[in-house]
Amino acid sequence: MHKILKALPTVSIFILVAAGVAHAQQGAGIVSGIRGDATVRHERGAQTQHLKFKDDVFWQDTLNTGADAQLRLLIQQKSVVTMKELTQLQLREDVIAADQAKKKSVVDLASGAVRVVVDKDTLKSSDYEVRTNMAVAAIRGSDLYGTADKDKTEFCAGPGSSVTAVHQNPAVGQRELNNLQCASIYPDRIDVRTISLNDYRLLSEIGPRGSQNGDHGGKAEGKITPPPGNNPPPGGGPNNPYNNNGGCLLCKQNNKGLGPPG
């Protein structure tokens, strides 16, 4: 009996490690659109691999886009992550508290630019953050554009959206961003400004108009918040606040944009 009790801690550690490995191996999502060269390095893989349309991606993956390349990921049918060219990020899922089932999806943005659109219903039961070396953006609902380099981070809340930008230095503090507000974040301060809907469209635009994703029916891609006001621009609507195809995540009029080849 004594030997069995001594063995229990080892067994418990093994179970925890195995559970962690199993979690990392669970697919986080798929490549729902790609143009140009994009690569992935899995947590336990020594080499990078070139990504293709409909490839699986996993938690702890590190992804890179090359020059003039763009990559769209559908994460757990609940969020859409779009990487612009020369961007590097890692996907993570963290447990918020050991006694809670609630989890936090994290995009660790090392460099470049990314747009994250999260299904609003998902935000009721989980948190979603974009992190850089200088600050964290907590997405409240539900469209965020962010950039990161060595000396500056920028977060912008999309139309009808809200974001909390938190500086890594507590003395600098945090700012609330709502409906087309942007925060330019420096080592010693946060500057906030308001931009136009067209400015946001240009910032977050991912490429030529046309098909921008595969036929995967992602829930988040149908829930872009329309622009403020009662008169959206011509061609806009609940799924397309940016007029015609610009910025729309469900535009499939032809096959010339970010999407499957053919």
C-alpha atoms as a PDB file:
ATOM      1  CA  MET A   1       0.000   0.000   0.000  1.00  0.00           C
ATOM      2  CA  HIS A   2       2.829   2.370   0.850  1.00  0.00           C
ATOM      3  CA  LYS A   3       4.451   1.758  -2.560  1.00  0.00           C
ATOM      4  CA  ILE A   4       1.152   2.543  -4.288  1.00  0.00           C
ATOM      5  CA  LEU A   5       0.812   5.841  -2.416  1.00  0.00           C
ATOM      6  CA  LYS A   6       4.389   6.782  -3.314  1.00  0.00           C
ATOM      7  CA  ALA A   7       3.630   6.142  -6.959  1.00  0.00           C
ATOM      8  CA  LEU A   8       0.511   8.326  -7.010  1.00  0.00           C
ATOM      9  CA  PRO A   9       2.312  11.694  -7.424  1.00  0.00           C
ATOM     10  CA  THR A  10       4.206  10.319 -10.415  1.00  0.00           C
ATOM     11  CA  VAL A  11       0.978   9.017 -11.934  1.00  0.00           C
ATOM     12  CA  SER A  12      -0.703  12.380 -11.353  1.00  0.00           C
ATOM     13  CA  ILE A  13       2.139  14.237 -13.063  1.00  0.00           C
ATOM     14  CA  PHE A  14       1.946  11.851 -16.011  1.00  0.00           C
ATOM     15  CA  ILE A  15      -1.795  12.428 -16.344  1.00  0.00           C
ATOM     16  CA  LEU A  16      -1.335  16.212 -16.289  1.00  0.00           C
ATOM     17  CA  VAL A  17       1.426  16.072 -18.889  1.00  0.00           C
ATOM     18  CA  ALA A  18      -0.606  13.754 -21.104  1.00  0.00           C
ATOM     19  CA  ALA A  19      -3.608  16.039 -20.816  1.00  0.00           C
ATOM     20  CA  GLY A  20      -1.480  19.007 -21.834  1.00  0.00           C
ATOM     21  CA  VAL A  21      -0.094  17.165 -24.850  1.00  0.00           C
ATOM     22  CA  ALA A  22      -3.577  16.050 -25.893  1.00  0.00           C
ATOM     23  CA  HIS A  23      -4.839  19.635 -25.628  1.00  0.00           C
ATOM     24  CA  ALA A  24      -1.980  20.931 -27.783  1.00  0.00           C
ATOM     25  CA  GLN A  25      -2.743  18.259 -30.386  1.00  0.00           C
ATOM     26  CA  GLN A  26      -6.390  19.263 -30.696  1.00  0.00           C
ATOM     27  CA  GLY A  27      -6.985  21.216 -33.867  1.00  0.00           C
ATOM     28  CA  ALA A  28      -7.554  24.897 -33.210  1.00  0.00           C
ATOM     29  CA  GLY A  29      -8.904  25.610 -36.673  1.00  0.00           C
ATOM     30  CA  ILE A  30      -8.269  25.508 -40.402  1.00  0.00           C
ATOM     31  CA  VAL A  31      -6.730  27.615 -43.132  1.00  0.00           C
ATOM     32  CA  SER A  32      -9.789  29.151 -44.760  1.00  0.00           C
ATOM     33  CA  GLY A  33      -7.927  31.439 -47.158  1.00  0.00           C
ATOM     34  CA  ILE A  34      -4.361  31.857 -48.370  1.00  0.00           C
ATOM     35  CA  ARG A  35      -2.490  33.889 -50.934  1.00  0.00           C
ATOM     36  CA  GLY A  36       1.250  33.766 -51.418  1.00  0.00           C
ATOM     37  CA  ASP A  37       3.644  31.941 -49.104  1.00  0.00           C
ATOM     38  CA  ALA A  38       2.696  31.188 -45.492  1.00  0.00           C
ATOM     39  CA  THR A  39       4.327  28.733 -43.112  1.00  0.00           C
ATOM     40  CA  VAL A  40       3.662  27.064 -39.783  1.00  0.00           C
ATOM     41  CA  ARG A  41       5.903  25.583 -37.122  1.00  0.00           C
ATOM     42  CA  HIS A  42       4.136  23.191 -34.766  1.00  0.00           C
ATOM     43  CA  GLU A  43       5.071  23.222 -31.087  1.00  0.00           C
ATOM     44  CA  ARG A  44       6.979  19.926 -31.266  1.00  0.00           C
ATOM     45  CA  GLY A  45       8.187  20.304 -34.821  1.00  0.00           C
ATOM     46  CA  ALA A  46      11.715  21.400 -35.615  1.00  0.00           C
ATOM     47  CA  GLN A  47      10.968  22.501 -39.179  1.00  0.00           C
ATOM     48  CA  THR A  48       8.541  24.940 -40.718  1.00  0.00           C
ATOM     49  CA  GLN A  49       5.971  23.681 -43.193  1.00  0.00           C
ATOM     50  CA  HIS A  50       4.269  25.496 -46.038  1.00  0.00           C
ATOM     51  CA  LEU A  51       0.545  25.937 -45.500  1.00  0.00           C
ATOM     52  CA  LYS A  52      -2.205  25.057 -47.965  1.00  0.00           C
ATOM     53  CA  PHE A  53      -5.902  25.798 -48.151  1.00  0.00           C
ATOM     54  CA  LYS A  54      -7.890  23.760 -45.561  1.00  0.00           C
ATOM     55  CA  ASP A  55      -4.769  22.703 -43.616  1.00  0.00           C
ATOM     56  CA  ASP A  56      -5.328  22.228 -39.880  1.00  0.00           C
ATOM     57  CA  VAL A  57      -3.704  24.577 -37.381  1.00  0.00           C
ATOM     58  CA  PHE A  58      -3.157  23.812 -33.708  1.00  0.00           C
ATOM     59  CA  TRP A  59      -2.760  25.618 -30.425  1.00  0.00           C
ATOM     60  CA  GLN A  60       0.880  26.646 -29.851  1.00  0.00           C
ATOM     61  CA  ASP A  61       1.476  26.869 -33.618  1.00  0.00           C
ATOM     62  CA  THR A  62       3.696  29.694 -34.831  1.00  0.00           C
ATOM     63  CA  LEU A  63       2.590  31.086 -38.196  1.00  0.00           C
ATOM     64  CA  ASN A  64       4.382  33.378 -40.650  1.00  0.00           C
ATOM     65  CA  THR A  65       3.364  35.122 -43.849  1.00  0.00           C
ATOM     66  CA  GLY A  66       5.873  36.124 -46.519  1.00  0.00           C
ATOM     67  CA  ALA A  67       6.133  39.259 -48.618  1.00  0.00           C
ATOM     68  CA  ASP A  68       2.857  40.047 -50.418  1.00  0.00           C
ATOM     69  CA  ALA A  69       1.198  37.076 -48.675  1.00  0.00           C
ATOM     70  CA  GLN A  70      -1.995  36.890 -46.651  1.00  0.00           C
ATOM     71  CA  LEU A  71      -3.502  34.140 -44.531  1.00  0.00           C
ATOM     72  CA  ARG A  72      -6.947  33.639 -43.049  1.00  0.00           C
ATOM     73  CA  LEU A  73      -7.708  31.189 -40.243  1.00  0.00           C
ATOM     74  CA  LEU A  74     -11.092  30.013 -39.028  1.00  0.00           C
ATOM     75  CA  ILE A  75     -10.604  29.196 -35.339  1.00  0.00           C
ATOM     76  CA  GLN A  76     -13.054  26.729 -33.772  1.00  0.00           C
ATOM     77  CA  GLN A  77     -15.863  27.994 -36.049  1.00  0.00           C
ATOM     78  CA  LYS A  78     -16.011  31.006 -33.720  1.00  0.00           C
ATOM     79  CA  SER A  79     -13.413  33.523 -34.832  1.00  0.00           C
ATOM     80  CA  VAL A  80     -11.560  34.622 -37.935  1.00  0.00           C
ATOM     81  CA  VAL A  81      -7.898  35.629 -37.777  1.00  0.00           C
ATOM     82  CA  THR A  82      -6.502  37.340 -40.879  1.00  0.00           C
ATOM     83  CA  MET A  83      -2.743  37.878 -41.146  1.00  0.00           C
ATOM     84  CA  LYS A  84      -1.326  40.468 -43.519  1.00  0.00           C
ATOM     85  CA  GLU A  85       2.078  40.149 -45.155  1.00  0.00           C
ATOM     86  CA  LEU A  86       5.281  39.772 -43.104  1.00  0.00           C
ATOM     87  CA  THR A  87       3.362  38.840 -39.958  1.00  0.00           C
ATOM     88  CA  GLN A  88       4.323  36.368 -37.249  1.00  0.00           C
ATOM     89  CA  LEU A  89       2.017  35.153 -34.491  1.00  0.00           C
ATOM     90  CA  GLN A  90       1.350  32.225 -32.191  1.00  0.00           C
ATOM     91  CA  LEU A  91      -2.049  30.749 -31.339  1.00  0.00           C
ATOM     92  CA  ARG A  92      -2.702  29.871 -27.706  1.00  0.00           C
ATOM     93  CA  GLU A  93      -5.568  28.798 -25.499  1.00  0.00           C
ATOM     94  CA  ASP A  94      -5.112  29.522 -21.789  1.00  0.00           C
ATOM     95  CA  VAL A  95      -7.136  28.365 -18.806  1.00  0.00           C
ATOM     96  CA  ILE A  96      -8.344  31.463 -16.950  1.00  0.00           C
ATOM     97  CA  ALA A  97      -8.674  29.711 -13.588  1.00  0.00           C
ATOM     98  CA  ALA A  98      -8.207  26.131 -12.471  1.00  0.00           C
ATOM     99  CA  ASP A  99     -11.720  25.992 -11.005  1.00  0.00           C
ATOM    100  CA  GLN A 100     -13.428  27.440 -14.090  1.00  0.00           C
ATOM    101  CA  ALA A 101     -14.262  25.957 -17.455  1.00  0.00           C
ATOM    102  CA  LYS A 102     -13.873  29.367 -19.077  1.00  0.00           C
ATOM    103  CA  LYS A 103     -10.848  29.689 -21.360  1.00  0.00           C
ATOM    104  CA  LYS A 104      -8.999  32.474 -23.089  1.00  0.00           C
ATOM    105  CA  SER A 105      -8.014  32.419 -26.752  1.00  0.00           C
ATOM    106  CA  VAL A 106      -4.797  34.335 -27.314  1.00  0.00           C
ATOM    107  CA  VAL A 107      -3.140  35.647 -30.458  1.00  0.00           C
ATOM    108  CA  ASP A 108       0.487  36.431 -29.619  1.00  0.00           C
ATOM    109  CA  LEU A 109       1.400  38.949 -32.316  1.00  0.00           C
ATOM    110  CA  ALA A 110       5.192  39.136 -32.581  1.00  0.00           C
ATOM    111  CA  SER A 111       5.282  41.397 -35.640  1.00  0.00           C
ATOM    112  CA  GLY A 112       3.175  42.547 -38.551  1.00  0.00           C
ATOM    113  CA  ALA A 113      -0.570  43.150 -38.741  1.00  0.00           C
ATOM    114  CA  VAL A 114      -3.641  41.069 -37.954  1.00  0.00           C
ATOM    115  CA  ARG A 115      -7.404  41.413 -37.962  1.00  0.00           C
ATOM    116  CA  VAL A 116      -9.463  39.356 -35.513  1.00  0.00           C
ATOM    117  CA  VAL A 117     -13.234  38.991 -35.758  1.00  0.00           C
ATOM    118  CA  VAL A 118     -14.937  37.070 -32.945  1.00  0.00           C
ATOM    119  CA  ASP A 119     -18.485  35.788 -32.803  1.00  0.00           C
ATOM    120  CA  LYS A 120     -20.242  37.902 -30.153  1.00  0.00           C
ATOM    121  CA  ASP A 121     -21.951  34.890 -28.590  1.00  0.00           C
ATOM    122  CA  THR A 122     -18.519  33.350 -28.010  1.00  0.00           C
ATOM    123  CA  LEU A 123     -17.443  36.334 -25.933  1.00  0.00           C
ATOM    124  CA  LYS A 124     -20.153  35.536 -23.388  1.00  0.00           C
ATOM    125  CA  SER A 125     -18.382  32.341 -22.389  1.00  0.00           C
ATOM    126  CA  SER A 126     -14.723  32.954 -23.243  1.00  0.00           C
ATOM    127  CA  ASP A 127     -12.166  35.741 -23.458  1.00  0.00           C
ATOM    128  CA  TYR A 128     -10.193  36.733 -26.547  1.00  0.00           C
ATOM    129  CA  GLU A 129      -6.944  38.700 -26.495  1.00  0.00           C
ATOM    130  CA  VAL A 130      -4.302  39.953 -28.898  1.00  0.00           C
ATOM    131  CA  ARG A 131      -0.942  40.377 -27.182  1.00  0.00           C
ATOM    132  CA  THR A 132       2.181  42.214 -28.314  1.00  0.00           C
ATOM    133  CA  ASN A 133       5.495  43.003 -26.654  1.00  0.00           C
ATOM    134  CA  MET A 134       4.055  46.312 -25.440  1.00  0.00           C
ATOM    135  CA  ALA A 135       0.356  45.829 -24.717  1.00  0.00           C
ATOM    136  CA  VAL A 136      -2.674  43.542 -24.643  1.00  0.00           C
ATOM    137  CA  ALA A 137      -5.995  44.124 -26.397  1.00  0.00           C
ATOM    138  CA  ALA A 138      -8.994  42.449 -24.770  1.00  0.00           C
ATOM    139  CA  ILE A 139     -11.719  42.124 -27.381  1.00  0.00           C
ATOM    140  CA  ARG A 140     -15.160  42.960 -25.988  1.00  0.00           C
ATOM    141  CA  GLY A 141     -17.028  42.824 -29.284  1.00  0.00           C
ATOM    142  CA  SER A 142     -15.990  41.931 -31.799  1.00  0.00           C
ATOM    143  CA  ASP A 143     -13.712  43.276 -34.579  1.00  0.00           C
ATOM    144  CA  LEU A 144     -10.086  44.281 -33.927  1.00  0.00           C
ATOM    145  CA  TYR A 145      -7.189  45.345 -36.122  1.00  0.00           C
ATOM    146  CA  GLY A 146      -3.726  45.336 -34.568  1.00  0.00           C
ATOM    147  CA  THR A 147      -0.123  45.922 -35.584  1.00  0.00           C
ATOM    148  CA  ALA A 148       3.125  45.356 -33.741  1.00  0.00           C
ATOM    149  CA  ASP A 149       6.746  46.295 -34.215  1.00  0.00           C
ATOM    150  CA  LYS A 150       9.671  46.909 -31.881  1.00  0.00           C
ATOM    151  CA  ASP A 151       8.802  50.493 -30.918  1.00  0.00           C
ATOM    152  CA  LYS A 152       5.032  50.732 -31.323  1.00  0.00           C
ATOM    153  CA  THR A 153       1.784  48.781 -31.070  1.00  0.00           C
ATOM    154  CA  GLU A 154      -1.506  49.896 -32.558  1.00  0.00           C
ATOM    155  CA  PHE A 155      -4.997  48.569 -31.850  1.00  0.00           C
ATOM    156  CA  CYS A 156      -8.169  49.716 -33.624  1.00  0.00           C
ATOM    157  CA  ALA A 157     -11.745  48.818 -32.722  1.00  0.00           C
ATOM    158  CA  GLY A 158     -13.865  48.043 -35.770  1.00  0.00           C
ATOM    159  CA  PRO A 159     -17.307  49.518 -36.486  1.00  0.00           C
ATOM    160  CA  GLY A 160     -19.612  48.995 -33.522  1.00  0.00           C
ATOM    161  CA  SER A 161     -16.851  47.193 -31.642  1.00  0.00           C
ATOM    162  CA  SER A 162     -15.083  47.748 -28.330  1.00  0.00           C
ATOM    163  CA  VAL A 163     -11.587  46.889 -27.113  1.00  0.00           C
ATOM    164  CA  THR A 164      -9.652  47.421 -23.892  1.00  0.00           C
ATOM    165  CA  ALA A 165      -6.013  48.271 -24.603  1.00  0.00           C
ATOM    166  CA  VAL A 166      -3.791  47.557 -21.585  1.00  0.00           C
ATOM    167  CA  HIS A 167      -0.169  48.769 -21.479  1.00  0.00           C
ATOM    168  CA  GLN A 168       2.430  46.371 -20.091  1.00  0.00           C
ATOM    169  CA  ASN A 169       3.553  49.197 -17.792  1.00  0.00           C
ATOM    170  CA  PRO A 170       0.857  49.637 -15.103  1.00  0.00           C
ATOM    171  CA  ALA A 171       1.920  53.260 -14.664  1.00  0.00           C
ATOM    172  CA  VAL A 172       0.778  54.007 -18.222  1.00  0.00           C
ATOM    173  CA  GLY A 173      -2.521  52.238 -17.650  1.00  0.00           C
ATOM    174  CA  GLN A 174      -5.221  51.299 -20.145  1.00  0.00           C
ATOM    175  CA  ARG A 175      -7.693  52.848 -22.565  1.00  0.00           C
ATOM    176  CA  GLU A 176     -11.163  51.862 -23.717  1.00  0.00           C
ATOM    177  CA  LEU A 177     -11.608  51.936 -27.503  1.00  0.00           C
ATOM    178  CA  ASN A 178     -15.065  52.048 -29.039  1.00  0.00           C
ATOM    179  CA  ASN A 179     -16.383  52.199 -32.601  1.00  0.00           C
ATOM    180  CA  LEU A 180     -13.498  53.128 -34.900  1.00  0.00           C
ATOM    181  CA  GLN A 181     -11.116  54.391 -32.231  1.00  0.00           C
ATOM    182  CA  CYS A 182      -7.424  53.530 -32.467  1.00  0.00           C
ATOM    183  CA  ALA A 183      -4.741  53.457 -29.790  1.00  0.00           C
ATOM    184  CA  SER A 184      -1.123  54.116 -30.740  1.00  0.00           C
ATOM    185  CA  ILE A 185       0.862  52.563 -27.913  1.00  0.00           C
ATOM    186  CA  TYR A 186       4.421  53.616 -27.145  1.00  0.00           C
ATOM    187  CA  PRO A 187       6.771  52.638 -24.293  1.00  0.00           C
ATOM    188  CA  ASP A 188       5.655  55.653 -22.234  1.00  0.00           C
ATOM    189  CA  ARG A 189       2.111  56.500 -23.368  1.00  0.00           C
ATOM    190  CA  ILE A 190      -1.100  55.625 -25.218  1.00  0.00           C
ATOM    191  CA  ASP A 191      -2.485  58.074 -27.792  1.00  0.00           C
ATOM    192  CA  VAL A 192      -6.112  57.602 -28.879  1.00  0.00           C
ATOM    193  CA  ARG A 193      -7.693  58.931 -32.061  1.00  0.00           C
ATOM    194  CA  THR A 194     -10.885  58.348 -34.057  1.00  0.00           C
ATOM    195  CA  ILE A 195     -10.781  57.167 -37.666  1.00  0.00           C
ATOM    196  CA  SER A 196     -13.389  56.941 -40.403  1.00  0.00           C
ATOM    197  CA  LEU A 197     -15.069  53.776 -41.607  1.00  0.00           C
ATOM    198  CA  ASN A 198     -13.135  54.068 -44.856  1.00  0.00           C
ATOM    199  CA  ASP A 199      -9.874  54.407 -42.901  1.00  0.00           C
ATOM    200  CA  TYR A 200     -10.660  51.177 -41.074  1.00  0.00           C
ATOM    201  CA  ARG A 201     -11.531  49.443 -44.325  1.00  0.00           C
ATOM    202  CA  LEU A 202      -8.189  50.464 -45.800  1.00  0.00           C
ATOM    203  CA  LEU A 203      -6.290  49.365 -42.680  1.00  0.00           C
ATOM    204  CA  SER A 204      -7.907  45.953 -42.476  1.00  0.00           C
ATOM    205  CA  GLU A 205      -8.294  45.296 -46.194  1.00  0.00           C
ATOM    206  CA  ILE A 206      -6.779  41.961 -47.048  1.00  0.00           C
ATOM    207  CA  GLY A 207      -6.450  42.130 -50.782  1.00  0.00           C
ATOM    208  CA  PRO A 208      -8.294  42.329 -54.107  1.00  0.00           C
ATOM    209  CA  ARG A 209     -12.032  42.041 -54.110  1.00  0.00           C
ATOM    210  CA  GLY A 210     -13.504  38.640 -54.721  1.00  0.00           C
ATOM    211  CA  SER A 211     -13.577  35.280 -53.008  1.00  0.00           C
ATOM    212  CA  GLN A 212     -11.763  35.549 -49.708  1.00  0.00           C
ATOM    213  CA  ASN A 213     -12.512  32.237 -48.064  1.00  0.00           C
ATOM    214  CA  GLY A 214     -13.575  28.666 -48.701  1.00  0.00           C
ATOM    215  CA  ASP A 215     -17.071  27.259 -48.282  1.00  0.00           C
ATOM    216  CA  HIS A 216     -16.681  26.332 -44.626  1.00  0.00           C
ATOM    217  CA  GLY A 217     -19.690  28.265 -43.328  1.00  0.00           C
ATOM    218  CA  GLY A 218     -17.875  29.876 -40.412  1.00  0.00           C
ATOM    219  CA  LYS A 219     -20.257  31.343 -37.863  1.00  0.00           C
ATOM    220  CA  ALA A 220     -18.097  34.362 -37.084  1.00  0.00           C
ATOM    221  CA  GLU A 221     -17.831  35.325 -40.721  1.00  0.00           C
ATOM    222  CA  GLY A 222     -21.526  36.132 -40.883  1.00  0.00           C
ATOM    223  CA  LYS A 223     -21.524  38.436 -37.888  1.00  0.00           C
ATOM    224  CA  ILE A 224     -19.489  41.495 -38.767  1.00  0.00           C
ATOM    225  CA  THR A 225     -21.142  44.453 -37.079  1.00  0.00           C
ATOM    226  CA  PRO A 226     -22.733  46.881 -39.568  1.00  0.00           C
ATOM    227  CA  PRO A 227     -21.533  50.482 -39.540  1.00  0.00           C
ATOM    228  CA  PRO A 228     -23.175  52.908 -37.118  1.00  0.00           C
ATOM    229  CA  GLY A 229     -26.301  54.729 -38.222  1.00  0.00           C
ATOM    230  CA  ASN A 230     -29.439  53.680 -40.018  1.00  0.00           C
ATOM    231  CA  ASN A 231     -28.144  54.047 -43.566  1.00  0.00           C
ATOM    232  CA  PRO A 232     -25.284  51.651 -44.368  1.00  0.00           C
ATOM    233  CA  PRO A 233     -23.420  52.423 -47.577  1.00  0.00           C
ATOM    234  CA  PRO A 234     -24.728  50.931 -50.841  1.00  0.00           C
ATOM    235  CA  GLY A 235     -23.900  47.261 -51.096  1.00  0.00           C
ATOM    236  CA  GLY A 236     -23.423  47.010 -47.318  1.00  0.00           C
ATOM    237  CA  GLY A 237     -25.451  45.122 -44.775  1.00  0.00           C
ATOM    238  CA  PRO A 238     -25.051  42.989 -41.644  1.00  0.00           C
ATOM    239  CA  ASN A 239     -22.433  40.808 -43.319  1.00  0.00           C
ATOM    240  CA  ASN A 240     -20.764  43.563 -45.311  1.00  0.00           C
ATOM    241  CA  PRO A 241     -20.379  46.956 -43.647  1.00  0.00           C
ATOM    242  CA  TYR A 242     -17.671  48.136 -46.023  1.00  0.00           C
ATOM    243  CA  ASN A 243     -19.603  48.619 -49.281  1.00  0.00           C
ATOM    244  CA  ASN A 244     -19.511  45.982 -52.010  1.00  0.00           C
ATOM    245  CA  ASN A 245     -16.749  43.452 -51.276  1.00  0.00           C
ATOM    246  CA  GLY A 246     -14.218  45.603 -49.417  1.00  0.00           C
ATOM    247  CA  GLY A 247     -13.631  44.020 -46.016  1.00  0.00           C
ATOM    248  CA  CYS A 248     -16.479  41.545 -46.348  1.00  0.00           C
ATOM    249  CA  LEU A 249     -15.677  38.118 -44.937  1.00  0.00           C
ATOM    250  CA  LEU A 250     -18.390  36.325 -46.905  1.00  0.00           C
ATOM    251  CA  CYS A 251     -17.874  37.719 -50.393  1.00  0.00           C
ATOM    252  CA  LYS A 252     -17.726  34.958 -53.004  1.00  0.00           C
ATOM    253  CA  GLN A 253     -18.415  36.643 -56.318  1.00  0.00           C
ATOM    254  CA  ASN A 254     -15.340  35.254 -58.062  1.00  0.00           C
ATOM    255  CA  ASN A 255     -12.124  33.365 -57.343  1.00  0.00           C
ATOM    256  CA  LYS A 256      -9.538  36.117 -57.668  1.00  0.00           C
ATOM    257  CA  GLY A 257      -8.888  37.009 -54.066  1.00  0.00           C
ATOM    258  CA  LEU A 258      -7.835  35.308 -50.860  1.00  0.00           C
ATOM    259  CA  GLY A 259      -9.296  31.845 -51.152  1.00  0.00           C
ATOM    260  CA  PRO A 260      -8.866  28.404 -52.642  1.00  0.00           C
ATOM    261  CA  PRO A 261      -7.000  28.233 -55.928  1.00  0.00           C
ATOM    262  CA  GLY A 262      -8.896  27.753 -59.147  1.00  0.00           C
END
